């Protein structure tokens, strides 16, 4: 005759008789933050002097350092990557 396990019988009896408490709508209060929609972003502010700054920028003369344009045309162009022909080895 098989032996009965009293501890297992008590455990199963209590497990079957357990009733979970009902879930309430207020159970989540304090556990999560309430949702708030984000505020609309503010557009960037443009300084009042921006149009005058742009016109000042457009009126500036471009300064270029170096040799004049005519001298560059007369300068001899050097070939920096000179590739010498390969000699065929004779047998």
PDB file of N, CA and C in Angstrom:
ATOM      1  N   UNK A   1       0.829  -1.164   0.000  1.00  0.00           N
ATOM      2  CA  UNK A   1       0.000   0.000   0.000  1.00  0.00           C
ATOM      3  C   UNK A   1       0.892   1.253   0.000  1.00  0.00           C
ATOM      4  N   UNK A   2       0.622   2.199  -0.939  1.00  0.00           N
ATOM      5  CA  UNK A   2       1.468   3.395  -1.013  1.00  0.00           C
ATOM      6  C   UNK A   2       1.222   4.319   0.173  1.00  0.00           C
ATOM      7  N   UNK A   3       2.295   4.958   0.593  1.00  0.00           N
ATOM      8  CA  UNK A   3       2.193   5.894   1.720  1.00  0.00           C
ATOM      9  C   UNK A   3       1.681   7.227   1.233  1.00  0.00           C
ATOM     10  N   UNK A   4       0.878   7.831   2.014  1.00  0.00           N
ATOM     11  CA  UNK A   4       0.341   9.145   1.673  1.00  0.00           C
ATOM     12  C   UNK A   4       1.286  10.197   2.226  1.00  0.00           C
ATOM     13  N   UNK A   5       1.491  11.214   1.441  1.00  0.00           N
ATOM     14  CA  UNK A   5       2.351  12.315   1.867  1.00  0.00           C
ATOM     15  C   UNK A   5       1.448  13.412   2.411  1.00  0.00           C
ATOM     16  N   UNK A   6       1.482  13.615   3.722  1.00  0.00           N
ATOM     17  CA  UNK A   6       0.599  14.587   4.356  1.00  0.00           C
ATOM     18  C   UNK A   6       0.921  16.026   3.936  1.00  0.00           C
ATOM     19  N   UNK A   7       2.191  16.315   3.799  1.00  0.00           N
ATOM     20  CA  UNK A   7       2.582  17.684   3.420  1.00  0.00           C
ATOM     21  C   UNK A   7       2.078  18.000   2.018  1.00  0.00           C
ATOM     22  N   UNK A   8       2.226  17.054   1.108  1.00  0.00           N
ATOM     23  CA  UNK A   8       1.768  17.275  -0.263  1.00  0.00           C
ATOM     24  C   UNK A   8       0.254  17.410  -0.304  1.00  0.00           C
ATOM     25  N   UNK A   9      -0.442  16.612   0.459  1.00  0.00           N
ATOM     26  CA  UNK A   9      -1.906  16.697   0.494  1.00  0.00           C
ATOM     27  C   UNK A   9      -2.368  18.049   1.025  1.00  0.00           C
ATOM     28  N   UNK A  10      -1.740  18.534   2.092  1.00  0.00           N
ATOM     29  CA  UNK A  10      -2.096  19.846   2.638  1.00  0.00           C
ATOM     30  C   UNK A  10      -1.804  20.965   1.631  1.00  0.00           C
ATOM     31  N   UNK A  11      -0.667  20.840   0.963  1.00  0.00           N
ATOM     32  CA  UNK A  11      -0.275  21.857  -0.024  1.00  0.00           C
ATOM     33  C   UNK A  11      -1.282  21.906  -1.169  1.00  0.00           C
ATOM     34  N   UNK A  12      -1.658  20.773  -1.707  1.00  0.00           N
ATOM     35  CA  UNK A  12      -2.604  20.724  -2.826  1.00  0.00           C
ATOM     36  C   UNK A  12      -3.987  21.206  -2.401  1.00  0.00           C
ATOM     37  N   UNK A  13      -4.397  20.882  -1.174  1.00  0.00           N
ATOM     38  CA  UNK A  13      -5.697  21.328  -0.667  1.00  0.00           C
ATOM     39  C   UNK A  13      -5.735  22.853  -0.565  1.00  0.00           C
ATOM     40  N   UNK A  14      -4.675  23.459  -0.025  1.00  0.00           N
ATOM     41  CA  UNK A  14      -4.614  24.918   0.110  1.00  0.00           C
ATOM     42  C   UNK A  14      -4.490  25.593  -1.258  1.00  0.00           C
ATOM     43  N   UNK A  15      -3.775  24.958  -2.150  1.00  0.00           N
ATOM     44  CA  UNK A  15      -3.602  25.520  -3.494  1.00  0.00           C
ATOM     45  C   UNK A  15      -4.923  25.551  -4.250  1.00  0.00           C
ATOM     46  N   UNK A  16      -5.721  24.506  -4.122  1.00  0.00           N
ATOM     47  CA  UNK A  16      -7.017  24.450  -4.801  1.00  0.00           C
ATOM     48  C   UNK A  16      -8.022  25.419  -4.199  1.00  0.00           C
ATOM     49  N   UNK A  17      -7.915  25.672  -2.905  1.00  0.00           N
ATOM     50  CA  UNK A  17      -8.878  26.564  -2.259  1.00  0.00           C
ATOM     51  C   UNK A  17      -8.469  28.041  -2.343  1.00  0.00           C
ATOM     52  N   UNK A  18      -7.318  28.354  -2.906  1.00  0.00           N
ATOM     53  CA  UNK A  18      -6.850  29.748  -2.981  1.00  0.00           C
ATOM     54  C   UNK A  18      -7.661  30.534  -4.009  1.00  0.00           C
ATOM     55  N   UNK A  19      -8.122  31.691  -3.622  1.00  0.00           N
ATOM     56  CA  UNK A  19      -8.838  32.607  -4.524  1.00  0.00           C
ATOM     57  C   UNK A  19      -8.013  33.890  -4.620  1.00  0.00           C
ATOM     58  N   UNK A  20      -7.658  34.266  -5.824  1.00  0.00           N
ATOM     59  CA  UNK A  20      -6.879  35.498  -6.027  1.00  0.00           C
ATOM     60  C   UNK A  20      -7.758  36.705  -5.748  1.00  0.00           C
ATOM     61  N   UNK A  21      -7.204  37.737  -5.114  1.00  0.00           N
ATOM     62  CA  UNK A  21      -8.015  38.930  -4.861  1.00  0.00           C
ATOM     63  C   UNK A  21      -8.365  39.614  -6.182  1.00  0.00           C
ATOM     64  N   UNK A  22      -9.545  40.208  -6.280  1.00  0.00           N
ATOM     65  CA  UNK A  22      -9.938  40.868  -7.537  1.00  0.00           C
ATOM     66  C   UNK A  22      -9.064  42.097  -7.802  1.00  0.00           C
ATOM     67  N   UNK A  23      -8.816  42.356  -9.076  1.00  0.00           N
ATOM     68  CA  UNK A  23      -7.988  43.487  -9.485  1.00  0.00           C
ATOM     69  C   UNK A  23      -8.851  44.737  -9.515  1.00  0.00           C
ATOM     70  N   UNK A  24      -8.379  45.788  -8.860  1.00  0.00           N
ATOM     71  CA  UNK A  24      -9.109  47.055  -8.825  1.00  0.00           C
ATOM     72  C   UNK A  24      -8.411  48.055  -9.740  1.00  0.00           C
ATOM     73  N   UNK A  25      -9.147  49.045 -10.164  1.00  0.00           N
ATOM     74  CA  UNK A  25      -8.564  50.085 -11.018  1.00  0.00           C
ATOM     75  C   UNK A  25      -7.574  50.942 -10.240  1.00  0.00           C
ATOM     76  N   UNK A  26      -7.740  51.033  -8.939  1.00  0.00           N
ATOM     77  CA  UNK A  26      -6.858  51.874  -8.132  1.00  0.00           C
ATOM     78  C   UNK A  26      -5.587  51.146  -7.695  1.00  0.00           C
ATOM     79  N   UNK A  27      -5.406  49.899  -8.082  1.00  0.00           N
ATOM     80  CA  UNK A  27      -4.211  49.147  -7.685  1.00  0.00           C
ATOM     81  C   UNK A  27      -2.933  49.728  -8.282  1.00  0.00           C
ATOM     82  N   UNK A  28      -3.028  50.347  -9.443  1.00  0.00           N
ATOM     83  CA  UNK A  28      -1.828  50.862 -10.094  1.00  0.00           C
ATOM     84  C   UNK A  28      -1.420  52.243  -9.598  1.00  0.00           C
ATOM     85  N   UNK A  29      -2.259  52.877  -8.769  1.00  0.00           N
ATOM     86  CA  UNK A  29      -1.939  54.211  -8.265  1.00  0.00           C
ATOM     87  C   UNK A  29      -0.702  54.107  -7.378  1.00  0.00           C
ATOM     88  N   UNK A  30       0.276  54.950  -7.657  1.00  0.00           N
ATOM     89  CA  UNK A  30       1.515  54.924  -6.905  1.00  0.00           C
ATOM     90  C   UNK A  30       2.561  54.003  -7.506  1.00  0.00           C
ATOM     91  N   UNK A  31       2.169  53.116  -8.387  1.00  0.00           N
ATOM     92  CA  UNK A  31       3.107  52.191  -9.007  1.00  0.00           C
ATOM     93  C   UNK A  31       3.630  52.711 -10.342  1.00  0.00           C
ATOM     94  N   UNK A  32       2.813  53.481 -11.040  1.00  0.00           N
ATOM     95  CA  UNK A  32       3.207  54.034 -12.335  1.00  0.00           C
ATOM     96  C   UNK A  32       2.909  55.523 -12.348  1.00  0.00           C
ATOM     97  N   UNK A  33       3.603  56.237 -13.221  1.00  0.00           N
ATOM     98  CA  UNK A  33       3.352  57.672 -13.371  1.00  0.00           C
ATOM     99  C   UNK A  33       2.182  57.884 -14.323  1.00  0.00           C
ATOM    100  N   UNK A  34       1.358  58.886 -14.061  1.00  0.00           N
ATOM    101  CA  UNK A  34       0.268  59.175 -15.009  1.00  0.00           C
ATOM    102  C   UNK A  34       0.848  59.724 -16.313  1.00  0.00           C
ATOM    103  N   UNK A  35       0.221  59.364 -17.431  1.00  0.00           N
ATOM    104  CA  UNK A  35       0.712  59.791 -18.736  1.00  0.00           C
ATOM    105  C   UNK A  35       0.283  61.221 -19.012  1.00  0.00           C
ATOM    106  N   UNK A  36       1.245  62.025 -19.441  1.00  0.00           N
ATOM    107  CA  UNK A  36       0.986  63.413 -19.807  1.00  0.00           C
ATOM    108  C   UNK A  36       1.570  63.608 -21.199  1.00  0.00           C
ATOM    109  N   UNK A  37       0.769  64.159 -22.116  1.00  0.00           N
ATOM    110  CA  UNK A  37       1.277  64.371 -23.471  1.00  0.00           C
ATOM    111  C   UNK A  37       2.372  65.436 -23.437  1.00  0.00           C
ATOM    112  N   UNK A  38       3.407  65.270 -24.264  1.00  0.00           N
ATOM    113  CA  UNK A  38       4.504  66.232 -24.260  1.00  0.00           C
ATOM    114  C   UNK A  38       4.043  67.575 -24.809  1.00  0.00           C
ATOM    115  N   UNK A  39       4.680  68.617 -24.337  1.00  0.00           N
ATOM    116  CA  UNK A  39       4.321  69.948 -24.817  1.00  0.00           C
ATOM    117  C   UNK A  39       4.874  70.155 -26.223  1.00  0.00           C
ATOM    118  N   UNK A  40       4.236  71.022 -26.963  1.00  0.00           N
ATOM    119  CA  UNK A  40       4.669  71.294 -28.334  1.00  0.00           C
ATOM    120  C   UNK A  40       6.014  72.019 -28.302  1.00  0.00           C
ATOM    121  N   UNK A  41       6.925  71.676 -29.214  1.00  0.00           N
ATOM    122  CA  UNK A  41       8.224  72.340 -29.223  1.00  0.00           C
ATOM    123  C   UNK A  41       8.084  73.792 -29.661  1.00  0.00           C
ATOM    124  N   UNK A  42       8.947  74.611 -29.136  1.00  0.00           N
ATOM    125  CA  UNK A  42       8.925  76.024 -29.515  1.00  0.00           C
ATOM    126  C   UNK A  42       9.839  76.232 -30.712  1.00  0.00           C
ATOM    127  N   UNK A  43       9.432  77.044 -31.668  1.00  0.00           N
ATOM    128  CA  UNK A  43      10.294  77.286 -32.831  1.00  0.00           C
ATOM    129  C   UNK A  43      11.514  78.101 -32.410  1.00  0.00           C
ATOM    130  N   UNK A  44      12.626  77.927 -33.109  1.00  0.00           N
ATOM    131  CA  UNK A  44      13.824  78.686 -32.765  1.00  0.00           C
ATOM    132  C   UNK A  44      13.616  80.179 -33.042  1.00  0.00           C
ATOM    133  N   UNK A  45      14.224  80.981 -32.220  1.00  0.00           N
ATOM    134  CA  UNK A  45      14.085  82.425 -32.390  1.00  0.00           C
ATOM    135  C   UNK A  45      15.179  82.937 -33.306  1.00  0.00           C
ATOM    136  N   UNK A  46      14.819  83.840 -34.189  1.00  0.00           N
ATOM    137  CA  UNK A  46      15.765  84.451 -35.112  1.00  0.00           C
ATOM    138  C   UNK A  46      16.069  85.844 -34.583  1.00  0.00           C
ATOM    139  N   UNK A  47      17.337  86.164 -34.558  1.00  0.00           N
ATOM    140  CA  UNK A  47      17.726  87.476 -34.060  1.00  0.00           C
ATOM    141  C   UNK A  47      17.197  88.558 -34.992  1.00  0.00           C
ATOM    142  N   UNK A  48      16.930  89.725 -34.438  1.00  0.00           N
ATOM    143  CA  UNK A  48      16.392  90.832 -35.225  1.00  0.00           C
ATOM    144  C   UNK A  48      17.425  91.369 -36.208  1.00  0.00           C
ATOM    145  N   UNK A  49      18.711  91.201 -35.917  1.00  0.00           N
ATOM    146  CA  UNK A  49      19.758  91.747 -36.777  1.00  0.00           C
ATOM    147  C   UNK A  49      20.165  90.778 -37.887  1.00  0.00           C
ATOM    148  N   UNK A  50      19.498  89.659 -38.022  1.00  0.00           N
ATOM    149  CA  UNK A  50      19.890  88.658 -39.004  1.00  0.00           C
ATOM    150  C   UNK A  50      19.866  89.181 -40.441  1.00  0.00           C
ATOM    151  N   UNK A  51      18.859  89.914 -40.900  1.00  0.00           N
ATOM    152  CA  UNK A  51      18.893  90.407 -42.284  1.00  0.00           C
ATOM    153  C   UNK A  51      20.070  91.346 -42.549  1.00  0.00           C
ATOM    154  N   UNK A  52      20.417  92.173 -41.595  1.00  0.00           N
ATOM    155  CA  UNK A  52      21.567  93.065 -41.811  1.00  0.00           C
ATOM    156  C   UNK A  52      22.857  92.274 -41.822  1.00  0.00           C
ATOM    157  N   UNK A  53      22.953  91.237 -40.994  1.00  0.00           N
ATOM    158  CA  UNK A  53      24.154  90.410 -41.002  1.00  0.00           C
ATOM    159  C   UNK A  53      24.304  89.680 -42.332  1.00  0.00           C
ATOM    160  N   UNK A  54      23.198  89.199 -42.891  1.00  0.00           N
ATOM    161  CA  UNK A  54      23.265  88.500 -44.176  1.00  0.00           C
ATOM    162  C   UNK A  54      23.669  89.432 -45.303  1.00  0.00           C
ATOM    163  N   UNK A  55      23.141  90.638 -45.313  1.00  0.00           N
ATOM    164  CA  UNK A  55      23.519  91.578 -46.371  1.00  0.00           C
ATOM    165  C   UNK A  55      24.978  91.986 -46.219  1.00  0.00           C
ATOM    166  N   UNK A  56      25.460  92.105 -44.999  1.00  0.00           N
ATOM    167  CA  UNK A  56      26.872  92.424 -44.767  1.00  0.00           C
ATOM    168  C   UNK A  56      27.756  91.275 -45.252  1.00  0.00           C
ATOM    169  N   UNK A  57      27.332  90.052 -45.016  1.00  0.00           N
ATOM    170  CA  UNK A  57      28.085  88.883 -45.460  1.00  0.00           C
ATOM    171  C   UNK A  57      28.126  88.817 -46.988  1.00  0.00           C
ATOM    172  N   UNK A  58      26.997  89.105 -47.641  1.00  0.00           N
ATOM    173  CA  UNK A  58      26.953  89.082 -49.105  1.00  0.00           C
ATOM    174  C   UNK A  58      27.840  90.155 -49.717  1.00  0.00           C
ATOM    175  N   UNK A  59      28.001  91.288 -49.044  1.00  0.00           N
ATOM    176  CA  UNK A  59      28.775  92.389 -49.619  1.00  0.00           C
ATOM    177  C   UNK A  59      30.275  92.241 -49.390  1.00  0.00           C
ATOM    178  N   UNK A  60      30.717  91.281 -48.612  1.00  0.00           N
ATOM    179  CA  UNK A  60      32.148  91.110 -48.357  1.00  0.00           C
ATOM    180  C   UNK A  60      32.859  90.615 -49.613  1.00  0.00           C
ATOM    181  N   UNK A  61      34.108  91.056 -49.761  1.00  0.00           N
ATOM    182  CA  UNK A  61      34.931  90.652 -50.894  1.00  0.00           C
ATOM    183  C   UNK A  61      35.687  89.387 -50.496  1.00  0.00           C
ATOM    184  N   UNK A  62      35.727  88.431 -51.407  1.00  0.00           N
ATOM    185  CA  UNK A  62      36.418  87.180 -51.142  1.00  0.00           C
ATOM    186  C   UNK A  62      37.908  87.401 -51.327  1.00  0.00           C
ATOM    187  N   UNK A  63      38.678  87.047 -50.302  1.00  0.00           N
ATOM    188  CA  UNK A  63      40.127  87.202 -50.366  1.00  0.00           C
ATOM    189  C   UNK A  63      40.747  85.846 -50.657  1.00  0.00           C
ATOM    190  N   UNK A  64      41.623  85.812 -51.668  1.00  0.00           N
ATOM    191  CA  UNK A  64      42.282  84.579 -52.055  1.00  0.00           C
ATOM    192  C   UNK A  64      43.777  84.794 -51.934  1.00  0.00           C
ATOM    193  N   UNK A  65      44.455  83.914 -51.228  1.00  0.00           N
ATOM    194  CA  UNK A  65      45.900  84.007 -51.096  1.00  0.00           C
ATOM    195  C   UNK A  65      46.549  83.167 -52.183  1.00  0.00           C
ATOM    196  N   UNK A  66      47.743  83.566 -52.606  1.00  0.00           N
ATOM    197  CA  UNK A  66      48.462  82.753 -53.562  1.00  0.00           C
ATOM    198  C   UNK A  66      48.864  83.542 -54.792  1.00  0.00           C
ATOM    199  N   UNK A  67      49.164  82.813 -55.837  1.00  0.00           N
ATOM    200  CA  UNK A  67      49.655  83.378 -57.086  1.00  0.00           C
ATOM    201  C   UNK A  67      48.484  83.902 -57.901  1.00  0.00           C
ATOM    202  N   UNK A  68      48.751  84.910 -58.714  1.00  0.00           N
ATOM    203  CA  UNK A  68      47.712  85.477 -59.565  1.00  0.00           C
ATOM    204  C   UNK A  68      47.263  84.437 -60.589  1.00  0.00           C
ATOM    205  N   UNK A  69      46.107  84.644 -61.172  1.00  0.00           N
ATOM    206  CA  UNK A  69      45.523  83.690 -62.111  1.00  0.00           C
ATOM    207  C   UNK A  69      46.372  83.574 -63.370  1.00  0.00           C
ATOM    208  N   UNK A  70      46.913  84.683 -63.895  1.00  0.00           N
ATOM    209  CA  UNK A  70      47.710  84.645 -65.121  1.00  0.00           C
ATOM    210  C   UNK A  70      48.991  83.848 -64.917  1.00  0.00           C
ATOM    211  N   UNK A  71      49.606  83.953 -63.774  1.00  0.00           N
ATOM    212  CA  UNK A  71      50.849  83.241 -63.509  1.00  0.00           C
ATOM    213  C   UNK A  71      50.604  81.739 -63.425  1.00  0.00           C
ATOM    214  N   UNK A  72      49.448  81.331 -62.961  1.00  0.00           N
ATOM    215  CA  UNK A  72      49.150  79.903 -62.870  1.00  0.00           C
ATOM    216  C   UNK A  72      49.013  79.278 -64.253  1.00  0.00           C
ATOM    217  N   UNK A  73      48.488  80.008 -65.202  1.00  0.00           N
ATOM    218  CA  UNK A  73      48.317  79.464 -66.547  1.00  0.00           C
ATOM    219  C   UNK A  73      49.663  79.258 -67.223  1.00  0.00           C
ATOM    220  N   UNK A  74      50.634  80.137 -66.945  1.00  0.00           N
ATOM    221  CA  UNK A  74      51.944  80.033 -67.576  1.00  0.00           C
ATOM    222  C   UNK A  74      52.840  79.006 -66.889  1.00  0.00           C
ATOM    223  N   UNK A  75      52.533  78.626 -65.690  1.00  0.00           N
ATOM    224  CA  UNK A  75      53.378  77.694 -64.943  1.00  0.00           C
ATOM    225  C   UNK A  75      53.358  76.328 -65.619  1.00  0.00           C
ATOM    226  N   UNK A  76      54.526  75.701 -65.599  1.00  0.00           N
ATOM    227  CA  UNK A  76      54.649  74.386 -66.213  1.00  0.00           C
ATOM    228  C   UNK A  76      54.043  73.339 -65.279  1.00  0.00           C
ATOM    229  N   UNK A  77      53.270  72.454 -65.845  1.00  0.00           N
ATOM    230  CA  UNK A  77      52.623  71.416 -65.053  1.00  0.00           C
ATOM    231  C   UNK A  77      53.568  70.230 -64.969  1.00  0.00           C
ATOM    232  N   UNK A  78      53.878  69.839 -63.743  1.00  0.00           N
ATOM    233  CA  UNK A  78      54.761  68.697 -63.555  1.00  0.00           C
ATOM    234  C   UNK A  78      53.926  67.433 -63.407  1.00  0.00           C
ATOM    235  N   UNK A  79      54.464  66.356 -63.931  1.00  0.00           N
ATOM    236  CA  UNK A  79      53.791  65.076 -63.791  1.00  0.00           C
ATOM    237  C   UNK A  79      54.371  64.381 -62.566  1.00  0.00           C
ATOM    238  N   UNK A  80      53.599  64.329 -61.502  1.00  0.00           N
ATOM    239  CA  UNK A  80      54.098  63.780 -60.250  1.00  0.00           C
ATOM    240  C   UNK A  80      54.119  62.259 -60.275  1.00  0.00           C
ATOM    241  N   UNK A  81      53.249  61.668 -61.017  1.00  0.00           N
ATOM    242  CA  UNK A  81      53.172  60.214 -61.051  1.00  0.00           C
ATOM    243  C   UNK A  81      53.715  59.714 -62.387  1.00  0.00           C
ATOM    244  N   UNK A  82      55.029  59.630 -62.459  1.00  0.00           N
ATOM    245  CA  UNK A  82      55.669  59.158 -63.674  1.00  0.00           C
ATOM    246  C   UNK A  82      55.761  57.641 -63.588  1.00  0.00           C
ATOM    247  N   UNK A  83      55.216  56.981 -64.582  1.00  0.00           N
ATOM    248  CA  UNK A  83      55.250  55.527 -64.622  1.00  0.00           C
ATOM    249  C   UNK A  83      56.233  55.131 -65.713  1.00  0.00           C
ATOM    250  N   UNK A  84      57.285  54.459 -65.291  1.00  0.00           N
ATOM    251  CA  UNK A  84      58.285  54.031 -66.264  1.00  0.00           C
ATOM    252  C   UNK A  84      57.834  52.716 -66.880  1.00  0.00           C
ATOM    253  N   UNK A  85      58.095  52.543 -68.172  1.00  0.00           N
ATOM    254  CA  UNK A  85      57.680  51.289 -68.822  1.00  0.00           C
ATOM    255  C   UNK A  85      58.470  50.109 -68.252  1.00  0.00           C
ATOM    256  N   UNK A  86      57.783  48.995 -68.097  1.00  0.00           N
ATOM    257  CA  UNK A  86      58.423  47.788 -67.585  1.00  0.00           C
ATOM    258  C   UNK A  86      59.116  47.062 -68.729  1.00  0.00           C
ATOM    259  N   UNK A  87      60.286  46.521 -68.428  1.00  0.00           N
ATOM    260  CA  UNK A  87      61.010  45.759 -69.444  1.00  0.00           C
ATOM    261  C   UNK A  87      60.557  44.307 -69.378  1.00  0.00           C
ATOM    262  N   UNK A  88      60.356  43.720 -70.543  1.00  0.00           N
ATOM    263  CA  UNK A  88      59.969  42.314 -70.585  1.00  0.00           C
ATOM    264  C   UNK A  88      61.205  41.449 -70.339  1.00  0.00           C
ATOM    265  N   UNK A  89      61.148  40.560 -69.384  1.00  0.00           N
ATOM    266  CA  UNK A  89      62.312  39.676 -69.156  1.00  0.00           C
ATOM    267  C   UNK A  89      62.427  38.662 -70.302  1.00  0.00           C
ATOM    268  N   UNK A  90      63.648  38.516 -70.797  1.00  0.00           N
ATOM    269  CA  UNK A  90      63.883  37.557 -71.890  1.00  0.00           C
ATOM    270  C   UNK A  90      64.374  36.254 -71.301  1.00  0.00           C
ATOM    271  N   UNK A  91      63.945  35.159 -71.875  1.00  0.00           N
ATOM    272  CA  UNK A  91      64.345  33.843 -71.372  1.00  0.00           C
ATOM    273  C   UNK A  91      65.625  33.412 -71.976  1.00  0.00           C
TER     274      UNK A  91
END
